[in-house]
Each structure stands twice: as C-alpha cells, then as structure tokens.
Amino acid sequence: MAKTEKETYKKYNPIIKADYPDPDVIRVEDTYYMVCTTMHFLPGAVILRSYDLVNWEIASYVFDSFGDNEEAKITYEHSAYGCGMWAGCLRYHKGHFYVSFGAKKTEKTYIFSAVNIEGPWERRCIDNYFHDASLFFDDDDRVYLVYGNTEIWIRELLPDLSGVMPEGYERMLIKDTEDVIVGYEGSHFYKINGRYYLFLIHWPRTGTARRTQVCFFSDSLDSEFTGGTVLDDDIGFLNCGVAQGGIVEAADGHWYSILFQDHGAVGRVPVLVPVYWKEGQPVFGENGKVPSEISVASNRPSYEYEPLYTSDDFIYHPEPGGTFRLKKQWQWNHEPEAKLWTILEDGGLRITTGKLSTNVTQAVNTLTQRLMFPYSGVEVTVDAEGLQDGDYAGLCALQGCYGMLAVTRELGRYYLVLIQRHKTEKDRFMGCCDYLPGTVTEKIMLTDSRIRLKLEANFDNGTDTVEFYYKKSIDEANWIHIGEKHRLFFGLDHFTGCRCGLAVYATKKIGGFADFYQFDYVWRELRC
C-alpha cells in the first residue's frame, strides 16, 4: 500500500545502528546525502542517501585508492589502521558535489568533486594536513577551509581548490582555553541568513565530562565569534555524549543536525537531533535533550531503501576487463590486491595469499561489513582445500582485540582453531601491536576441509561480546558453540567499530587460497 505524501517516519535514536562516524549532511532538492569517515577501509568516503533523514542507504564511495602508499596496502608489517580518511565534509555548490578530508598518514588534504553523487570524482591533493576541515564557499565565490584542534583557523584556498591561496585570508577564529580531554575540533562551517556559524565538538574534563556540541557565530569573518555549548546529552547511554556533525534544512523548512555518539565496540553511530532557531541562534534538541524517538517528513514515502548490510551468494557477472564489482555494503580492510581475489564461475569468493602475516590484522584482502547493534550475526561456508601448511582461513570479528574462527592446515591435516587477541577495559585506548599473533584458545581436528562458520555479536547496552559456532557438516541443522565469549573494545588503534571479516593469511608460504560461499547476515533490531 502506497504511503501518502504527508506521512512521516518515526525512528528511535541512534538512527543508524552501526559505525558511521563524523557525519556531514546536505540536501539537494528532495534528497539528503551524508558522508562518513571510513578510515583505512576501501573503497573510501562512503556517501549515504535518504529522503527522510532517518532511513539511509549507500549511494556511492568517493575513491578506491590512496595511491602509492605502502601502509594503505599492508605491503609489509606496517598498516594504515586508525588512519586514512578522517572527518569528511560534503558540500554542493553551483551544480557540483564536493567532498574534502584530511589523511593523517599522508599528511595531505584531499578535495574531490563530481557532477553526480555516483561519480566519477575528480581528485585534488593539497600538500598540507588540515585537521577535521570544513569546506566553505562564501557568497562572493571565495572558498575556505575551517580546521584545527583547540585552535580553529580559517584559510583561503585557490579558486580551483588545488592549494592554499598565497597571501590569502587567514585568521584564528577561536581558541580553547578550558581543561579538556579533547579541544574544539570537527569543524562544520555555514553561512545562514547572512550570519556565519561554526559548529564543533568539545570534550571538557569538568561538568558531565563527556563530548558536547558547541556553536560559535559572527556577523562577519573579521568579527569575534561568540557562543558556547548547544547540546550536552548522552540519551541515557553510559555518559557518551552526542556531538560532531553537520546541520541541514529539510524540505519542509525544519532544521536538523546529524551528530554521532560513541557506542562501545560497535563504533560511533549517527543520531538525529531537531534544531530550532531563536533570535538567530541554534537550539539543539527538546528541552536540551536528544529525543529518543523522532519523526521526520518523507520526501518520497513509497521509496524502498536498500539495507546497510547484505547477505551474498557471491554470484556476479564480470565487468569489462574481467573485473568484479561487489555489493556496496562490502569494504576491504585496506587497499585490495586485485590479482589475489576473484569470483568463481559458479559463485563463490576466492582469496589467495600474497604475503606472509603473523595474524589476521596483517592479511591482505580481508572483506568486511559493519556489525550492527544490538544483535547481529553472520555465517559463511569456507572451503579450505586450497590452503597450504601454515595458512588460516575463516570468519573474524575484526578489531585490534579480534576474535577469529578459522581453518588451518598442519602437515596436510585440517584443524578448526579459535584465535583471540585480548584487551581489557584498562588498556582499551592503547594500541595493539599488529605484528604480534593472537592466542589459539581452541583447536579441533577436522575430517573435511569444507565447513560452515558463524559469529554472533551482542552490543546491547555495552555488552560488546562475540561468540563463535561451527557445523561438523554444512548439511547439519545444529550449531556447535566453541570457546568462551570474546570481549570487544573500541580502541584508538583501529578507531573503528567492530566488523565481520572474511580473511585468509599465510604464515609460512604464499600462494594458498580459500573459497567462501553463501554469506548470510542477520540483524535483530530492538528499541534502544
């Protein structure tokens, strides 16, 4: 039954139950677009699409490669975990989409532009790293970046966005003088009704001691920017504040902001907040709080969204040149090596080893999807017949404190092993040594190289655990639980939420392979 044009959609905050951090949102005619941080995962700079601000699907990605960057390819032991694409800015100006972001590993800032949101995207590279920068086009067509941490600066760019304008406009807009855990950052800069607005995230040590959203404003670029906190709320979740993101005017004239909230091991999740205006100043939330339930009018009520997760039978038709383009929900853990993966003729994903690794975080061509809260689970069939001694192939919960259920081969025999890297609450913000192996906590001899594996993740109210299962035969109905619950933590080493991953890696000799079939993803959404 078709929905009427006046129908609104209701949804509980957070509006997306998965790791889509640092959101920036715009509206072009009846369509909302949102860019989110993708860090080291590729393709990079995901852009989501919506017609109501609460239901979202993946529209496109901005880029496929960081170029000639050994760490982004995990060529050796070093990786790009926790780095890569940070805090993108999305803008639409005179018929063109623009996405800008800084990459800490390369110490550069990238600006992409396209006529269509699906691309192709033209890349410009600036040989300066501008932290959490907001791209801003003023009414006189001069263009700026607003950026920084603790000190927030504005700096003028060349008209073609290829670099900084020599002797162009530059000044510090504000400076944080408080005792903070994290100073002002995450700039989002706008000009609305002739006034300039600067939105930032702030994490003071005093008061509630959580992330807050702040706003400063001025009637000109040369005048003093004044303002302060506009939102200090955690929606009742573990004192994790809601902050950092953009604002957008809906088609019906109402204003909203999409911010993020730290949500434990699942990552940083988007939250939709109504914004009102009082004497030219923004007022966030309802009575200073983020509503747990929010209703927004839909611009296309009958539109059916593609889920942000997917099952996959790995049946694809090759594109010109013999390459394959996977479903948009998939991302590689780093830049993939094209010659080391393929789609089998009758369906199935084959991943071949091309380097030696000590653990799964070093593996090339690990194929991932975001796990979602409160409960999500995936299962897959693994055919390990092509493994060589010392190889591992299986299903992982990918974080610095990963858990992996894998088939390995030793002296020609196959074994099922559970591999875990443990962390504790005390050291969850400390980096893992990615070159150190995990611990084999379970080991079972197999009679067949083909096996069905499953993981179930529980992120409800900060539980943050994953459990693993297997079937002795892929035709059996019952699952067998293996090992203890594995604790997951969001850490700064990877700086991303937990993902499921299909992975193969070699410890002794390269050239082995494994095949993956019939990947099934199940998400159980409850009111959160």
Protein backbone atom coordinates (compact mmCIF):
# COMPACT_ATOMS: atom_id res chain seq x y z
CA MET A 1 0.00 0.00 0.00
CA ALA A 2 1.49 3.32 -1.09
CA LYS A 3 2.20 5.85 1.63
CA THR A 4 0.68 9.33 1.40
CA GLU A 5 2.84 12.38 0.76
CA LYS A 6 2.05 13.71 4.25
CA GLU A 7 3.27 10.61 6.06
CA THR A 8 6.17 10.96 8.44
CA TYR A 9 8.65 8.35 9.53
CA LYS A 10 9.37 7.55 13.16
CA LYS A 11 12.61 6.05 14.31
CA TYR A 12 14.48 5.58 17.54
CA ASN A 13 17.82 7.26 18.09
CA PRO A 14 20.50 6.42 17.15
CA ILE A 15 19.02 6.37 13.65
CA ILE A 16 21.72 4.02 12.26
CA LYS A 17 22.86 1.16 14.48
CA ALA A 18 26.37 0.89 13.07
CA ASP A 19 29.70 2.68 12.73
CA TYR A 20 29.11 5.75 10.53
CA PRO A 21 31.11 8.44 12.38
CA ASP A 22 31.80 12.13 11.74
CA PRO A 23 28.64 12.66 9.67
CA ASP A 24 28.19 15.66 7.41
CA VAL A 25 24.83 16.09 5.73
CA ILE A 26 23.37 18.18 2.90
CA ARG A 27 20.11 18.33 0.95
CA VAL A 28 19.95 18.70 -2.82
CA GLU A 29 16.32 19.20 -3.89
CA ASP A 30 14.42 16.30 -2.26
CA THR A 31 17.47 14.15 -1.47
CA TYR A 32 19.68 14.11 1.61
CA TYR A 33 23.29 12.96 1.35
CA MET A 34 25.64 12.16 4.19
CA VAL A 35 29.38 11.45 4.13
CA CYS A 36 31.00 9.49 6.97
CA THR A 37 34.53 8.55 7.96
CA THR A 38 35.79 5.24 6.56
CA MET A 39 39.37 5.35 7.94
CA HIS A 40 41.51 2.61 6.38
CA PHE A 41 38.64 0.72 4.70
CA LEU A 42 38.29 0.85 0.92
CA PRO A 43 36.53 1.94 -1.16
CA GLY A 44 36.66 5.10 0.92
CA ALA A 45 34.48 8.06 1.93
CA VAL A 46 31.07 6.43 1.94
CA ILE A 47 28.12 8.61 0.92
CA LEU A 48 24.67 7.65 2.18
CA ARG A 49 21.36 8.74 0.66
CA SER A 50 17.97 9.40 2.26
CA TYR A 51 14.64 11.06 1.56
CA ASP A 52 13.57 11.42 5.20
CA LEU A 53 16.77 11.71 7.31
CA VAL A 54 16.04 8.52 9.26
CA ASN A 55 16.26 5.77 6.62
CA TRP A 56 19.55 5.57 4.75
CA GLU A 57 21.24 3.53 2.04
CA ILE A 58 24.68 3.58 0.46
CA ALA A 59 24.74 5.81 -2.63
CA SER A 60 28.43 5.66 -3.53
CA TYR A 61 32.05 5.94 -2.46
CA VAL A 62 34.37 8.77 -3.39
CA PHE A 63 37.66 6.95 -4.03
CA ASP A 64 39.15 3.47 -4.42
CA SER A 65 42.80 4.09 -3.62
CA PHE A 66 45.19 6.29 -1.66
CA GLY A 67 47.69 5.94 -4.49
CA ASP A 68 51.23 4.76 -3.98
CA ASN A 69 51.01 4.19 -0.23
CA GLU A 70 52.62 1.03 1.14
CA GLU A 71 50.85 1.23 4.52
CA ALA A 72 47.42 1.51 2.89
CA LYS A 73 48.24 -1.74 1.08
CA ILE A 74 49.74 -3.50 4.16
CA THR A 75 52.70 -4.33 1.97
CA TYR A 76 54.90 -5.07 4.95
CA GLU A 77 54.16 -5.16 8.69
CA HIS A 78 53.00 -1.56 8.88
CA SER A 79 49.38 -0.72 8.19
CA ALA A 80 47.01 2.25 7.96
CA TYR A 81 44.76 1.16 10.84
CA GLY A 82 43.29 4.15 12.63
CA CYS A 83 44.37 6.47 9.82
CA GLY A 84 43.22 7.00 6.25
CA MET A 85 40.14 9.10 5.53
CA TRP A 86 39.07 11.26 8.52
CA ALA A 87 36.06 13.53 9.09
CA GLY A 88 34.91 14.35 5.58
CA CYS A 89 33.00 17.46 4.59
CA LEU A 90 30.23 17.25 1.97
CA ARG A 91 29.05 20.32 0.06
CA TYR A 92 27.03 21.14 -3.05
CA HIS A 93 27.95 24.32 -4.91
CA LYS A 94 26.85 25.52 -8.33
CA GLY A 95 25.95 22.10 -9.69
CA HIS A 96 28.90 20.18 -8.23
CA PHE A 97 29.28 17.91 -5.22
CA TYR A 98 32.44 18.35 -3.15
CA VAL A 99 33.99 16.06 -0.55
CA SER A 100 37.05 17.16 1.40
CA PHE A 101 39.00 15.34 4.10
CA GLY A 102 42.44 15.07 5.63
CA ALA A 103 44.52 11.90 5.83
CA LYS A 104 46.88 11.87 8.79
CA LYS A 105 49.10 9.11 7.39
CA THR A 106 49.89 11.03 4.21
CA GLU A 107 49.80 14.48 5.89
CA LYS A 108 47.70 15.75 2.99
CA THR A 109 44.21 17.13 2.40
CA TYR A 110 42.08 15.84 -0.45
CA ILE A 111 39.23 17.58 -2.25
CA PHE A 112 37.06 15.60 -4.66
CA SER A 113 34.36 16.97 -6.95
CA ALA A 114 31.70 15.44 -9.17
CA VAL A 115 28.59 16.42 -11.08
CA ASN A 116 26.79 13.25 -9.96
CA ILE A 117 26.92 11.72 -6.49
CA GLU A 118 27.85 8.37 -8.05
CA GLY A 119 30.88 9.96 -9.67
CA PRO A 120 33.23 9.96 -11.42
CA TRP A 121 35.10 12.05 -8.86
CA GLU A 122 37.95 14.39 -9.74
CA ARG A 123 40.71 14.49 -7.11
CA ARG A 124 42.78 17.44 -5.93
CA CYS A 125 45.54 17.00 -3.38
CA ILE A 126 46.83 19.77 -1.09
CA ASP A 127 50.24 19.21 0.50
CA ASN A 128 49.02 20.30 3.94
CA TYR A 129 47.08 18.37 6.55
CA PHE A 130 44.06 20.39 7.71
CA HIS A 131 42.50 18.64 10.69
CA ASP A 132 38.74 17.95 10.54
CA ALA A 133 38.32 20.67 7.96
CA SER A 134 35.04 22.16 6.74
CA LEU A 135 34.95 23.33 3.13
CA PHE A 136 33.16 26.65 2.82
CA PHE A 137 32.04 28.59 -0.28
CA ASP A 138 31.11 32.19 0.54
CA ASP A 139 28.61 34.31 -1.36
CA ASP A 140 31.41 36.08 -3.25
CA ASP A 141 32.71 32.68 -4.50
CA ARG A 142 35.80 32.82 -2.35
CA VAL A 143 36.46 29.39 -0.84
CA TYR A 144 37.97 28.46 2.51
CA LEU A 145 38.87 25.62 4.82
CA VAL A 146 37.94 25.93 8.51
CA TYR A 147 40.02 23.49 10.54
CA GLY A 148 42.06 22.71 13.62
CA ASN A 149 42.12 21.24 17.09
CA THR A 150 41.89 23.54 20.14
CA GLU A 151 42.74 26.46 17.83
CA ILE A 152 40.27 26.74 14.97
CA TRP A 153 41.54 28.55 11.88
CA ILE A 154 40.11 29.70 8.58
CA ARG A 155 42.31 29.73 5.49
CA GLU A 156 41.54 30.74 1.94
CA LEU A 157 42.07 28.35 -0.97
CA LEU A 158 42.82 28.95 -4.61
CA PRO A 159 39.66 29.24 -6.75
CA ASP A 160 40.37 25.86 -8.37
CA LEU A 161 40.85 24.25 -4.91
CA SER A 162 44.29 22.99 -5.86
CA GLY A 163 46.05 24.58 -2.89
CA VAL A 164 46.25 27.39 -0.40
CA MET A 165 45.89 30.93 -1.74
CA PRO A 166 49.25 32.73 -1.42
CA GLU A 167 48.74 35.66 0.96
CA GLY A 168 45.06 34.73 1.09
CA TYR A 169 42.73 35.31 4.01
CA GLU A 170 43.80 33.57 7.20
CA ARG A 171 42.94 34.01 10.87
CA MET A 172 42.27 32.08 14.07
CA LEU A 173 38.54 32.12 14.76
CA ILE A 174 38.52 30.73 18.31
CA LYS A 175 40.87 29.12 20.82
CA ASP A 176 40.00 26.61 23.53
CA THR A 177 41.28 27.67 26.95
CA GLU A 178 39.42 25.12 29.10
CA ASP A 179 40.77 21.98 30.78
CA VAL A 180 39.77 19.39 28.17
CA ILE A 181 40.08 15.78 27.17
CA VAL A 182 39.70 16.85 23.54
CA GLY A 183 39.72 20.51 22.49
CA TYR A 184 37.50 22.07 19.85
CA GLU A 185 37.57 20.10 16.59
CA GLY A 186 35.27 18.61 13.97
CA SER A 187 34.53 21.92 12.24
CA HIS A 188 31.28 22.45 10.34
CA PHE A 189 31.02 25.97 8.94
CA TYR A 190 27.96 27.65 7.37
CA LYS A 191 26.54 30.99 6.36
CA ILE A 192 22.83 31.17 7.14
CA ASN A 193 20.77 34.34 6.62
CA GLY A 194 23.93 36.44 6.43
CA ARG A 195 25.49 35.13 9.66
CA TYR A 196 28.46 32.74 9.97
CA TYR A 197 28.09 29.65 12.17
CA LEU A 198 30.84 27.34 13.39
CA PHE A 199 29.78 24.01 14.92
CA LEU A 200 32.33 21.93 16.83
CA ILE A 201 32.74 19.03 19.20
CA HIS A 202 34.15 19.69 22.67
CA TRP A 203 35.12 17.34 25.48
CA PRO A 204 35.80 19.18 28.75
CA ARG A 205 37.06 17.43 31.89
CA THR A 206 34.64 19.35 34.09
CA GLY A 207 30.86 19.09 34.38
CA THR A 208 29.49 15.93 32.77
CA ALA A 209 32.95 15.18 31.32
CA ARG A 210 31.59 13.90 28.03
CA ARG A 211 31.51 15.02 24.43
CA THR A 212 29.36 18.11 23.84
CA GLN A 213 28.25 20.07 20.80
CA VAL A 214 29.16 23.77 20.66
CA CYS A 215 28.37 26.60 18.29
CA PHE A 216 30.04 29.96 17.70
CA PHE A 217 28.71 32.65 15.40
CA SER A 218 29.57 36.05 13.98
CA ASP A 219 28.12 38.58 11.56
CA SER A 220 31.38 38.73 9.60
CA LEU A 221 34.56 36.71 9.14
CA ASP A 222 36.57 39.54 10.67
CA SER A 223 34.45 39.90 13.83
CA GLU A 224 34.68 37.99 17.08
CA PHE A 225 32.98 34.57 17.14
CA THR A 226 30.94 34.08 20.30
CA GLY A 227 28.85 31.21 21.60
CA GLY A 228 29.14 28.04 23.63
CA THR A 229 27.55 24.69 24.35
CA VAL A 230 24.32 23.92 22.49
CA LEU A 231 23.93 20.23 23.44
CA ASP A 232 25.13 18.14 26.39
CA ASP A 233 23.29 14.81 26.44
CA ASP A 234 24.02 11.07 26.27
CA ILE A 235 20.48 9.69 25.54
CA GLY A 236 20.96 7.60 28.68
CA PHE A 237 23.89 5.60 27.29
CA LEU A 238 26.93 5.32 29.57
CA ASN A 239 27.68 9.08 29.68
CA CYS A 240 28.66 9.01 26.00
CA GLY A 241 27.87 12.46 24.67
CA VAL A 242 26.21 13.19 21.34
CA ALA A 243 28.25 15.63 19.23
CA GLN A 244 30.14 16.43 16.00
CA GLY A 245 28.25 16.68 12.77
CA GLY A 246 26.50 18.93 10.33
CA ILE A 247 23.12 20.65 10.13
CA VAL A 248 20.63 20.68 7.31
CA GLU A 249 17.35 22.36 6.42
CA ALA A 250 14.66 19.86 5.50
CA ALA A 251 12.38 20.32 2.53
CA ASP A 252 9.54 21.41 4.85
CA GLY A 253 11.67 24.17 6.41
CA HIS A 254 12.54 22.36 9.64
CA TRP A 255 16.18 22.08 10.66
CA TYR A 256 18.06 19.03 11.92
CA SER A 257 21.54 18.00 12.89
CA ILE A 258 23.13 14.59 12.47
CA LEU A 259 25.75 14.01 15.15
CA PHE A 260 27.47 10.85 16.38
CA GLN A 261 27.67 9.02 19.68
CA ASP A 262 30.35 6.63 20.93
CA HIS A 263 28.51 3.34 21.31
CA GLY A 264 31.12 0.93 22.57
CA ALA A 265 32.66 -1.74 20.37
CA VAL A 266 30.07 -1.31 17.61
CA GLY A 267 31.61 2.11 16.92
CA ARG A 268 30.33 5.66 16.58
CA VAL A 269 26.73 5.87 15.45
CA PRO A 270 24.63 8.68 13.89
CA VAL A 271 21.99 10.47 15.96
CA LEU A 272 19.32 12.80 14.55
CA VAL A 273 18.60 15.95 16.57
CA PRO A 274 15.96 18.61 15.83
CA VAL A 275 17.35 22.15 15.63
CA TYR A 276 15.32 25.29 16.27
CA TRP A 277 16.28 28.94 15.85
CA LYS A 278 15.83 31.61 18.50
CA GLU A 279 16.99 35.14 17.73
CA GLY A 280 19.48 33.84 15.19
CA GLN A 281 20.96 31.21 17.49
CA PRO A 282 20.53 27.43 17.10
CA VAL A 283 18.79 25.45 19.84
CA PHE A 284 19.53 21.72 19.76
CA GLY A 285 17.13 19.02 20.94
CA GLU A 286 13.98 19.22 23.00
CA ASN A 287 14.47 20.91 26.37
CA GLY A 288 18.18 20.37 25.95
CA LYS A 289 17.83 16.62 25.33
CA VAL A 290 18.09 14.39 22.28
CA PRO A 291 14.67 12.80 21.69
CA SER A 292 14.77 9.02 21.88
CA GLU A 293 12.09 8.88 19.19
CA ILE A 294 11.97 11.29 16.27
CA SER A 295 9.50 11.83 13.43
CA VAL A 296 10.51 13.37 10.12
CA ALA A 297 8.50 14.02 6.96
CA SER A 298 9.43 11.91 3.94
CA ASN A 299 10.08 13.43 0.52
CA ARG A 300 9.48 10.06 -1.18
CA PRO A 301 7.21 7.99 1.09
CA SER A 302 6.97 4.99 -1.25
CA TYR A 303 10.73 4.64 -1.70
CA GLU A 304 12.22 1.31 -0.61
CA TYR A 305 15.73 1.54 0.83
CA GLU A 306 18.47 -0.99 0.32
CA PRO A 307 19.75 -2.21 3.71
CA LEU A 308 23.13 -1.06 5.01
CA TYR A 309 24.13 -4.72 5.40
CA THR A 310 23.73 -7.62 2.99
CA SER A 311 23.88 -11.36 2.57
CA ASP A 312 25.74 -12.53 -0.52
CA ASP A 313 25.85 -15.67 -2.63
CA PHE A 314 28.89 -14.25 -4.46
CA ILE A 315 27.32 -14.68 -7.87
CA TYR A 316 28.46 -11.75 -10.01
CA HIS A 317 28.88 -11.08 -13.69
CA PRO A 318 32.27 -9.68 -14.72
CA GLU A 319 32.57 -6.11 -15.89
CA PRO A 320 34.59 -5.14 -19.00
CA GLY A 321 38.16 -6.23 -18.42
CA GLY A 322 37.09 -9.22 -16.34
CA THR A 323 36.84 -7.37 -13.02
CA PHE A 324 34.03 -7.70 -10.49
CA ARG A 325 32.25 -5.01 -8.51
CA LEU A 326 30.92 -6.29 -5.20
CA LYS A 327 27.81 -5.07 -3.43
CA LYS A 328 28.14 -1.61 -1.89
CA GLN A 329 27.93 -2.91 1.67
CA TRP A 330 31.33 -4.62 1.35
CA GLN A 331 34.64 -2.88 2.06
CA TRP A 332 38.17 -4.25 2.11
CA ASN A 333 40.20 -3.83 5.29
CA HIS A 334 42.88 -1.97 3.29
CA GLU A 335 43.56 -1.43 -0.40
CA PRO A 336 42.91 -4.78 -2.07
CA GLU A 337 45.36 -6.64 -4.29
CA ALA A 338 43.25 -7.29 -7.38
CA LYS A 339 45.16 -10.36 -8.56
CA LEU A 340 44.65 -12.08 -5.19
CA TRP A 341 40.84 -12.29 -5.23
CA THR A 342 38.21 -13.33 -7.73
CA ILE A 343 34.64 -14.56 -8.11
CA LEU A 344 34.28 -18.22 -9.05
CA GLU A 345 32.36 -19.19 -12.16
CA ASP A 346 29.53 -20.91 -10.27
CA GLY A 347 29.50 -18.41 -7.42
CA GLY A 348 31.90 -18.02 -4.54
CA LEU A 349 34.70 -15.72 -3.42
CA ARG A 350 38.30 -16.94 -3.68
CA ILE A 351 41.04 -15.15 -1.73
CA THR A 352 44.68 -16.09 -2.34
CA THR A 353 47.61 -15.29 -0.04
CA GLY A 354 50.30 -12.98 -1.39
CA LYS A 355 52.40 -12.14 1.68
CA LEU A 356 53.35 -13.69 5.00
CA SER A 357 51.44 -12.45 8.05
CA THR A 358 51.55 -13.17 11.75
CA ASN A 359 47.82 -12.58 12.31
CA VAL A 360 44.59 -11.57 10.62
CA THR A 361 45.10 -7.80 11.02
CA GLN A 362 48.01 -8.05 8.57
CA ALA A 363 46.07 -10.04 5.99
CA VAL A 364 45.57 -8.52 2.55
CA ASN A 365 42.08 -8.66 1.01
CA THR A 366 40.01 -9.16 4.14
CA LEU A 367 36.45 -8.46 3.05
CA THR A 368 34.34 -6.73 5.70
CA GLN A 369 30.94 -5.41 6.68
CA ARG A 370 29.94 -3.36 9.70
CA LEU A 371 28.32 -5.25 12.55
CA MET A 372 25.20 -3.59 13.97
CA PHE A 373 23.73 -3.25 17.43
CA PRO A 374 22.04 -4.51 19.45
CA TYR A 375 22.47 -8.01 17.95
CA SER A 376 23.90 -9.15 14.64
CA GLY A 377 25.24 -12.39 13.32
CA VAL A 378 26.83 -13.73 10.16
CA GLU A 379 27.60 -17.16 8.82
CA VAL A 380 29.58 -18.42 5.84
CA THR A 381 30.80 -21.64 4.28
CA VAL A 382 34.57 -21.96 3.95
CA ASP A 383 36.30 -24.40 1.62
CA ALA A 384 39.91 -24.65 2.81
CA GLU A 385 41.12 -27.34 0.41
CA GLY A 386 43.43 -24.85 -1.29
CA LEU A 387 45.28 -23.91 1.90
CA GLN A 388 48.97 -24.64 2.38
CA ASP A 389 50.56 -25.58 5.66
CA GLY A 390 50.58 -22.58 7.98
CA ASP A 391 47.60 -20.87 6.27
CA TYR A 392 44.46 -19.69 8.07
CA ALA A 393 41.06 -19.02 6.52
CA GLY A 394 37.83 -18.11 8.21
CA LEU A 395 35.50 -15.63 9.83
CA CYS A 396 36.65 -12.86 12.16
CA ALA A 397 35.32 -10.11 14.37
CA LEU A 398 37.80 -7.52 13.17
CA GLN A 399 39.18 -5.08 15.73
CA GLY A 400 42.50 -4.66 17.48
CA CYS A 401 41.16 -7.17 20.04
CA TYR A 402 39.93 -9.50 17.32
CA GLY A 403 38.45 -12.97 17.51
CA MET A 404 38.70 -15.37 14.56
CA LEU A 405 37.33 -18.83 13.90
CA ALA A 406 39.45 -20.33 11.15
CA VAL A 407 40.54 -23.50 9.40
CA THR A 408 44.28 -24.06 9.35
CA ARG A 409 46.42 -26.72 7.74
CA GLU A 410 49.26 -28.51 9.51
CA LEU A 411 51.24 -31.37 7.96
CA GLY A 412 48.47 -31.88 5.45
CA ARG A 413 45.71 -32.11 8.06
CA TYR A 414 42.94 -29.59 8.70
CA TYR A 415 42.12 -28.10 12.08
CA LEU A 416 39.49 -25.67 13.31
CA VAL A 417 41.05 -23.06 15.59
CA LEU A 418 39.71 -20.14 17.61
CA ILE A 419 42.24 -17.30 17.71
CA GLN A 420 41.81 -14.38 20.09
CA ARG A 421 43.65 -11.21 20.92
CA HIS A 422 42.58 -9.97 24.33
CA LYS A 423 42.39 -6.45 25.71
CA THR A 424 40.93 -5.10 28.91
CA GLU A 425 38.92 -2.02 29.82
CA LYS A 426 42.08 -0.54 31.34
CA ASP A 427 44.05 -0.57 28.09
CA ARG A 428 41.26 -0.21 25.53
CA PHE A 429 42.62 3.11 24.32
CA MET A 430 46.12 1.70 23.92
CA GLY A 431 47.25 0.46 20.53
CA CYS A 432 47.67 -3.21 19.76
CA CYS A 433 50.91 -4.43 18.23
CA ASP A 434 49.52 -5.62 14.90
CA TYR A 435 52.60 -7.74 14.20
CA LEU A 436 52.02 -9.86 17.34
CA PRO A 437 49.93 -13.02 16.85
CA GLY A 438 46.77 -13.77 18.76
CA THR A 439 46.36 -16.77 21.04
CA VAL A 440 44.92 -20.08 19.84
CA THR A 441 42.39 -20.89 22.57
CA GLU A 442 40.59 -23.83 20.89
CA LYS A 443 41.77 -26.45 18.38
CA ILE A 444 39.78 -29.30 16.82
CA MET A 445 40.87 -31.76 14.12
CA LEU A 446 38.59 -31.81 11.07
CA THR A 447 37.73 -34.64 8.71
CA ASP A 448 36.65 -32.32 5.90
CA SER A 449 38.13 -29.11 4.51
CA ARG A 450 34.67 -27.63 3.93
CA ILE A 451 32.91 -26.15 6.98
CA ARG A 452 30.15 -23.73 7.98
CA LEU A 453 31.13 -20.98 10.45
CA LYS A 454 29.11 -18.41 12.38
CA LEU A 455 29.65 -15.49 14.75
CA GLU A 456 27.06 -13.74 16.89
CA ALA A 457 27.76 -10.27 18.30
CA ASN A 458 25.97 -8.73 21.27
CA PHE A 459 26.31 -4.95 21.57
CA ASP A 460 23.22 -4.42 23.71
CA ASN A 461 23.80 -1.74 26.36
CA GLY A 462 27.58 -2.05 26.09
CA THR A 463 27.77 -5.85 26.42
CA ASP A 464 30.21 -5.93 23.47
CA THR A 465 30.88 -9.65 23.10
CA VAL A 466 31.14 -12.08 20.21
CA GLU A 467 30.64 -15.84 20.21
CA PHE A 468 31.59 -18.39 17.56
CA TYR A 469 29.91 -21.52 16.23
CA TYR A 470 30.50 -24.21 13.60
CA LYS A 471 28.83 -27.21 12.00
CA LYS A 472 30.66 -30.51 11.61
CA SER A 473 28.91 -30.86 8.28
CA ILE A 474 27.45 -27.99 6.25
CA ASP A 475 24.27 -30.05 5.88
CA GLU A 476 23.72 -30.41 9.63
CA ALA A 477 20.97 -28.42 11.34
CA ASN A 478 22.64 -27.83 14.69
CA TRP A 479 25.41 -25.39 15.50
CA ILE A 480 28.21 -26.26 17.91
CA HIS A 481 29.42 -23.49 20.20
CA ILE A 482 33.19 -23.12 20.53
CA GLY A 483 35.22 -21.22 23.12
CA GLU A 484 34.19 -18.54 25.57
CA LYS A 485 32.57 -15.20 24.87
CA HIS A 486 35.17 -12.87 23.43
CA ARG A 487 35.22 -9.29 24.76
CA LEU A 488 35.38 -6.50 22.21
CA PHE A 489 36.55 -2.92 22.76
CA PHE A 490 36.57 0.21 20.64
CA GLY A 491 40.20 1.32 20.60
CA LEU A 492 42.25 4.10 19.08
CA ASP A 493 44.50 1.55 17.38
CA HIS A 494 41.85 0.85 14.72
CA PHE A 495 39.49 3.74 15.59
CA THR A 496 36.54 1.92 14.04
CA GLY A 497 33.64 -0.21 15.14
CA CYS A 498 33.81 -3.98 15.04
CA ARG A 499 33.28 -5.61 11.66
CA CYS A 500 32.84 -9.13 10.43
CA GLY A 501 35.53 -10.18 8.00
CA LEU A 502 36.28 -12.98 5.56
CA ALA A 503 40.01 -13.48 5.74
CA VAL A 504 42.86 -15.69 4.55
CA TYR A 505 46.50 -15.33 5.53
CA ALA A 506 49.75 -17.29 5.27
CA THR A 507 52.43 -17.71 7.91
CA LYS A 508 54.91 -19.95 6.02
CA LYS A 509 54.45 -19.85 2.25
CA ILE A 510 52.36 -17.71 -0.08
CA GLY A 511 50.06 -18.97 -2.83
CA GLY A 512 47.44 -20.86 -0.84
CA PHE A 513 43.79 -19.95 -1.16
CA ALA A 514 40.35 -20.47 0.33
CA ASP A 515 36.85 -20.16 -1.09
CA PHE A 516 33.86 -18.58 0.64
CA TYR A 517 30.22 -19.41 -0.17
CA GLN A 518 26.76 -18.32 0.90
CA PHE A 519 27.37 -15.46 3.30
CA ASP A 520 24.29 -14.78 5.44
CA TYR A 521 23.81 -11.66 7.58
CA VAL A 522 21.12 -11.42 10.26
CA TRP A 523 20.37 -8.27 12.27
CA ARG A 524 17.95 -8.15 15.18
CA GLU A 525 16.80 -4.59 15.86
CA LEU A 526 15.25 -3.80 19.20
CA ARG A 527 14.24 -0.46 20.66
CA CYS A 528 17.47 1.05 22.02
